[in-house]
N, C-alpha and C. Protein backbone atom coordinates (compact mmCIF):
# COMPACT_ATOMS: atom_id res chain seq x y z
N MET A 1 125.84 347.58 173.02
CA MET A 1 125.65 346.15 173.81
C MET A 1 124.38 345.42 174.33
N GLY A 2 123.61 346.70 175.07
CA GLY A 2 122.12 346.33 175.48
C GLY A 2 120.90 345.46 174.15
N ARG A 3 121.14 346.66 173.30
CA ARG A 3 120.28 346.40 172.35
C ARG A 3 120.72 344.93 171.63
N HIS A 4 122.23 345.23 171.62
CA HIS A 4 122.62 343.42 170.82
C HIS A 4 122.23 342.05 171.78
N LYS A 5 121.96 342.34 172.84
CA LYS A 5 122.00 341.05 174.06
C LYS A 5 120.44 340.98 173.49
N ALA A 6 119.45 342.28 173.61
CA ALA A 6 118.15 342.13 173.52
C ALA A 6 117.15 341.58 172.39
N ILE A 7 118.50 341.50 171.21
CA ILE A 7 118.29 340.68 169.91
C ILE A 7 118.50 339.49 169.71
N LEU A 8 119.58 339.19 170.77
CA LEU A 8 119.72 338.05 170.76
C LEU A 8 119.12 336.75 171.65
N LEU A 9 118.41 337.85 172.43
CA LEU A 9 117.46 336.94 173.59
C LEU A 9 116.03 336.74 172.78
N THR A 10 115.96 337.79 172.30
CA THR A 10 114.66 337.63 171.38
C THR A 10 114.58 336.81 170.47
N THR A 11 115.43 335.79 169.82
CA THR A 11 115.93 334.83 169.11
C THR A 11 115.88 333.40 170.08
N VAL A 12 116.26 333.68 170.65
CA VAL A 12 116.58 332.26 171.40
C VAL A 12 114.90 332.43 172.41
N MET A 13 114.40 333.36 172.42
CA MET A 13 113.18 333.08 172.84
C MET A 13 112.00 332.79 171.71
N LEU A 14 112.20 333.29 170.05
CA LEU A 14 111.57 332.98 169.02
C LEU A 14 111.92 331.38 168.74
N ALA A 15 113.06 331.04 169.06
CA ALA A 15 113.17 329.63 168.31
C ALA A 15 113.23 328.46 169.35
N ALA A 16 112.68 329.06 170.99
CA ALA A 16 112.30 328.11 172.33
C ALA A 16 110.52 327.63 171.46
N GLY A 17 110.04 329.10 171.07
CA GLY A 17 108.67 329.42 170.91
C GLY A 17 107.78 328.45 169.86
N MET A 18 108.86 328.29 168.62
CA MET A 18 108.66 327.44 167.50
C MET A 18 108.69 325.68 168.07
N THR A 19 109.69 325.47 169.00
CA THR A 19 109.96 324.33 169.31
C THR A 19 108.51 323.59 169.63
N SER A 20 107.80 324.65 170.49
CA SER A 20 106.70 324.18 171.62
C SER A 20 105.58 325.27 171.57
N ALA A 21 104.28 325.15 171.42
CA ALA A 21 103.46 326.39 172.18
C ALA A 21 103.53 326.09 173.39
N ARG A 22 103.21 325.47 174.04
CA ARG A 22 102.85 324.97 175.10
C ARG A 22 104.12 325.31 176.02
N GLN A 23 105.41 325.50 175.73
CA GLN A 23 106.99 326.09 176.41
C GLN A 23 106.40 327.26 177.01
N THR A 24 105.61 328.44 176.74
CA THR A 24 105.04 329.44 176.93
C THR A 24 104.52 329.75 178.26
N GLU A 25 103.73 328.66 178.73
CA GLU A 25 102.91 328.65 179.79
C GLU A 25 104.09 328.70 180.99
N ALA A 26 104.84 328.10 181.23
CA ALA A 26 105.92 328.49 182.58
C ALA A 26 107.20 328.83 182.02
N GLN A 27 107.87 329.65 182.41
CA GLN A 27 109.33 330.03 182.00
C GLN A 27 110.02 330.31 183.28
N THR A 28 111.63 330.49 182.75
CA THR A 28 112.62 330.64 183.96
C THR A 28 113.64 330.98 183.29
N PHE A 29 113.93 332.64 183.45
CA PHE A 29 115.11 333.06 183.25
C PHE A 29 116.11 333.66 183.68
N GLN A 30 117.36 333.23 183.76
CA GLN A 30 118.47 333.56 184.74
C GLN A 30 119.86 334.01 184.09
N THR A 31 120.23 335.52 184.58
CA THR A 31 121.73 335.93 184.08
C THR A 31 122.58 335.09 185.19
N TYR A 32 124.00 334.87 184.65
CA TYR A 32 125.12 334.28 185.20
C TYR A 32 126.09 335.29 184.72
N ARG A 33 127.12 335.51 185.43
CA ARG A 33 128.23 335.75 184.97
C ARG A 33 129.40 334.68 185.90
N CYS A 34 130.46 334.53 184.98
CA CYS A 34 131.54 333.32 185.70
C CYS A 34 132.85 334.54 185.82
N ALA A 35 133.53 333.70 186.20
CA ALA A 35 135.08 334.23 187.46
C ALA A 35 135.79 334.83 185.94
N ASP A 36 135.64 333.45 184.58
CA ASP A 36 136.18 334.55 183.26
C ASP A 36 135.82 335.25 182.63
N GLY A 37 134.94 336.03 183.07
CA GLY A 37 134.50 337.06 182.34
C GLY A 37 133.19 336.89 181.70
N THR A 38 132.70 335.44 181.84
CA THR A 38 132.21 335.34 180.49
C THR A 38 130.28 335.83 181.14
N GLN A 39 129.59 335.80 179.89
CA GLN A 39 128.00 336.13 181.02
C GLN A 39 127.05 335.38 179.75
N PHE A 40 125.94 334.42 180.52
CA PHE A 40 125.19 333.90 180.00
C PHE A 40 124.11 334.31 180.39
N ILE A 41 122.79 334.24 179.55
CA ILE A 41 121.25 334.04 179.81
C ILE A 41 121.20 332.58 179.95
N VAL A 42 120.65 332.08 180.59
CA VAL A 42 119.96 330.53 180.54
C VAL A 42 118.27 330.38 180.47
N ALA A 43 117.44 329.57 179.82
CA ALA A 43 116.08 329.70 179.79
C ALA A 43 115.51 328.01 180.13
N PHE A 44 114.45 328.19 180.87
CA PHE A 44 114.42 326.70 181.24
C PHE A 44 112.58 326.86 181.11
N TYR A 45 111.79 325.89 180.27
CA TYR A 45 110.42 325.94 180.18
C TYR A 45 110.12 324.62 180.96
N ASP A 46 108.59 324.73 181.89
CA ASP A 46 107.92 323.78 182.17
C ASP A 46 107.91 322.59 180.81
N ALA A 47 107.73 322.93 180.14
CA ALA A 47 107.04 321.35 179.20
C ALA A 47 108.18 321.02 178.60
N ASP A 48 109.27 321.80 178.71
CA ASP A 48 110.81 320.60 178.26
C ASP A 48 111.45 320.93 179.45
N LYS A 49 112.53 319.14 179.11
CA LYS A 49 113.52 318.67 179.32
C LYS A 49 114.83 319.97 179.31
N ARG A 50 115.23 320.70 177.84
CA ARG A 50 116.13 321.51 177.57
C ARG A 50 116.27 322.72 178.41
N ALA A 51 117.66 322.89 178.17
CA ALA A 51 118.26 324.35 178.70
C ALA A 51 118.57 325.30 177.37
N PHE A 52 117.90 326.16 177.07
CA PHE A 52 118.19 327.84 176.23
C PHE A 52 118.84 328.53 176.58
N LEU A 53 120.38 328.40 176.18
CA LEU A 53 121.68 329.29 176.98
C LEU A 53 121.73 330.26 175.56
N GLN A 54 122.22 331.19 176.21
CA GLN A 54 122.54 332.67 174.85
C GLN A 54 124.08 332.35 175.64
N ILE A 55 124.74 332.59 174.83
CA ILE A 55 126.13 332.13 175.48
C ILE A 55 127.41 333.10 174.02
N ASP A 56 128.09 333.96 174.32
CA ASP A 56 129.15 334.65 173.34
C ASP A 56 128.28 334.63 172.36
N GLY A 57 127.21 335.60 172.33
CA GLY A 57 126.24 336.15 171.41
C GLY A 57 125.65 335.32 170.45
N GLU A 58 125.92 334.16 170.69
CA GLU A 58 124.27 333.16 170.13
C GLU A 58 123.94 332.02 170.83
N PRO A 59 122.69 331.58 170.07
CA PRO A 59 121.93 331.33 171.36
C PRO A 59 122.30 329.17 170.38
N VAL A 60 122.29 328.71 171.60
CA VAL A 60 122.45 327.13 171.81
C VAL A 60 121.55 326.59 172.91
N THR A 61 121.06 325.55 172.45
CA THR A 61 120.13 324.30 172.87
C THR A 61 120.80 323.32 173.27
N LEU A 62 120.56 323.22 174.99
CA LEU A 62 121.57 322.25 175.94
C LEU A 62 120.57 321.29 175.88
N ALA A 63 120.84 319.62 175.78
CA ALA A 63 120.32 318.55 176.51
C ALA A 63 120.52 318.17 177.72
N LYS A 64 119.62 317.73 178.27
CA LYS A 64 119.57 317.35 179.72
C LYS A 64 120.53 316.18 179.78
N ARG A 65 121.55 315.93 180.39
CA ARG A 65 122.63 314.41 181.02
C ARG A 65 121.99 313.89 181.74
N LEU A 66 122.04 312.68 182.56
CA LEU A 66 122.44 312.49 183.51
C LEU A 66 123.95 312.78 184.39
N SER A 67 122.86 313.33 185.48
CA SER A 67 123.72 313.93 186.41
C SER A 67 123.32 312.87 188.30
N VAL A 68 124.68 312.87 188.88
CA VAL A 68 124.23 312.48 189.77
C VAL A 68 123.86 313.30 191.22
N SER A 69 124.25 314.65 191.06
CA SER A 69 123.36 315.76 192.12
C SER A 69 123.31 316.68 190.74
N GLY A 70 121.82 317.48 191.20
CA GLY A 70 121.93 318.72 190.58
C GLY A 70 121.14 318.39 188.94
N ALA A 71 121.51 319.02 187.91
CA ALA A 71 121.80 319.44 186.71
C ALA A 71 122.38 319.29 185.92
N ARG A 72 122.78 318.73 184.93
CA ARG A 72 123.65 319.28 183.63
C ARG A 72 122.91 318.97 182.14
N TYR A 73 123.81 319.71 181.38
CA TYR A 73 123.22 320.54 180.60
C TYR A 73 124.15 320.23 179.25
N SER A 74 124.28 319.68 178.57
CA SER A 74 125.16 320.04 177.12
C SER A 74 124.71 319.98 175.88
N GLY A 75 125.41 320.36 174.90
CA GLY A 75 125.60 320.58 173.82
C GLY A 75 125.94 321.25 173.27
N ALA A 76 126.65 321.02 171.68
CA ALA A 76 127.34 322.59 170.52
C ALA A 76 128.97 322.87 171.63
N GLY A 77 129.56 321.94 171.90
CA GLY A 77 130.72 322.51 172.46
C GLY A 77 130.66 322.46 173.93
N VAL A 78 129.16 323.38 174.66
CA VAL A 78 128.99 323.99 175.84
C VAL A 78 128.80 322.91 176.89
N THR A 79 129.11 322.83 177.79
CA THR A 79 128.63 321.92 179.17
C THR A 79 128.06 322.89 180.11
N LEU A 80 127.00 322.98 181.36
CA LEU A 80 126.69 323.17 181.77
C LEU A 80 125.65 322.52 183.02
N LYS A 81 126.82 323.38 184.60
CA LYS A 81 126.53 322.17 185.83
C LYS A 81 125.87 322.98 186.77
N ILE A 82 124.08 322.62 187.14
CA ILE A 82 124.20 323.44 188.03
C ILE A 82 123.82 322.26 189.35
N PRO A 83 124.59 322.30 190.35
CA PRO A 83 124.52 321.18 191.22
C PRO A 83 123.37 322.11 192.21
N LYS A 84 123.28 320.93 193.42
CA LYS A 84 121.49 321.39 194.70
C LYS A 84 122.67 322.17 195.17
N THR A 85 124.24 322.12 195.54
CA THR A 85 125.29 322.74 196.30
C THR A 85 126.36 322.94 195.41
N GLY A 86 126.25 324.87 195.77
CA GLY A 86 127.89 324.84 195.08
C GLY A 86 127.59 325.70 194.14
N SER A 87 128.82 325.76 193.13
CA SER A 87 128.55 326.71 191.99
C SER A 87 128.05 326.43 190.87
N THR A 88 127.39 326.93 189.87
CA THR A 88 127.72 326.70 188.62
C THR A 88 128.79 326.69 187.86
N THR A 89 128.76 325.78 187.02
CA THR A 89 130.23 325.95 186.39
C THR A 89 129.14 325.78 184.62
N VAL A 90 130.45 326.34 183.89
CA VAL A 90 130.07 326.24 182.42
C VAL A 90 131.56 326.04 181.94
N LYS A 91 131.34 325.29 180.92
CA LYS A 91 132.78 325.18 179.67
C LYS A 91 132.19 325.17 178.50
N HIS A 92 133.13 326.14 177.88
CA HIS A 92 132.73 326.29 176.70
C HIS A 92 133.70 326.65 175.48
N LEU A 93 133.79 326.59 173.93
CA LEU A 93 134.71 326.57 173.16
C LEU A 93 135.98 326.23 173.90
N ARG A 94 136.45 325.23 174.04
CA ARG A 94 138.00 324.89 174.64
C ARG A 94 138.33 325.39 175.76
N ARG A 95 137.59 326.55 176.34
CA ARG A 95 137.79 327.23 177.40
C ARG A 95 137.81 326.06 178.61
N PRO A 96 138.44 326.48 179.93
CA PRO A 96 138.49 325.47 180.75
C PRO A 96 137.16 325.85 181.99
N VAL A 97 136.96 324.71 182.63
CA VAL A 97 135.85 324.83 183.24
C VAL A 97 135.81 326.37 184.47
N THR A 98 134.49 327.05 184.36
CA THR A 98 134.44 328.37 185.25
C THR A 98 133.24 328.26 186.19
N ALA A 99 134.01 328.54 187.26
CA ALA A 99 132.54 328.70 188.52
C ALA A 99 131.83 330.17 188.02
N CYS A 100 130.31 329.86 187.85
CA CYS A 100 129.25 331.24 187.47
C CYS A 100 128.40 331.56 188.90
N ALA A 101 128.02 332.95 188.84
CA ALA A 101 127.27 333.25 189.53
C ALA A 101 125.72 334.05 189.24
N ALA A 102 124.69 333.52 189.49
CA ALA A 102 123.66 333.85 189.38
C ALA A 102 123.81 335.72 189.22
N ILE A 103 123.24 336.44 188.71
CA ILE A 103 123.38 337.87 188.67
C ILE A 103 121.72 337.93 189.31
N GLU A 104 121.47 339.01 190.45
CA GLU A 104 120.11 338.99 190.54
C GLU A 104 119.51 340.57 190.01
N LYS A 105 118.35 340.55 189.85
CA LYS A 105 117.59 341.53 188.95
C LYS A 105 117.59 342.32 189.79
N PRO A 106 117.26 343.67 189.35
CA PRO A 106 117.31 345.17 190.34
C PRO A 106 115.63 344.82 190.46
N ARG A 107 115.17 345.20 191.71
CA ARG A 107 113.97 345.57 191.62
C ARG A 107 113.44 346.72 191.72
N ILE A 108 112.10 347.36 191.01
CA ILE A 108 111.48 347.88 190.47
C ILE A 108 110.67 348.16 191.97
């Protein structure tokens, strides 16, 4: 399973790199685990307003949408909401909205 995730993450990173060479200057990756068992990785690049998501084994690019508080991204049937306060939520594949929490990276 780990090899599969690594291959998909590499695919997402390569696709993101092809859209703009400047995106690789500063990037943020975060892994989330949701209440319904969904797990996804999201990547943000300084020079790009989109979110690059890997969910259900598929790369998805989400456009930034208007939001009153925090950030909201959507595209290809996926909606990601990251509020300033409260829990991050994701809705995808006709599933109900579910709360998600960031997974802490182990320190070496």
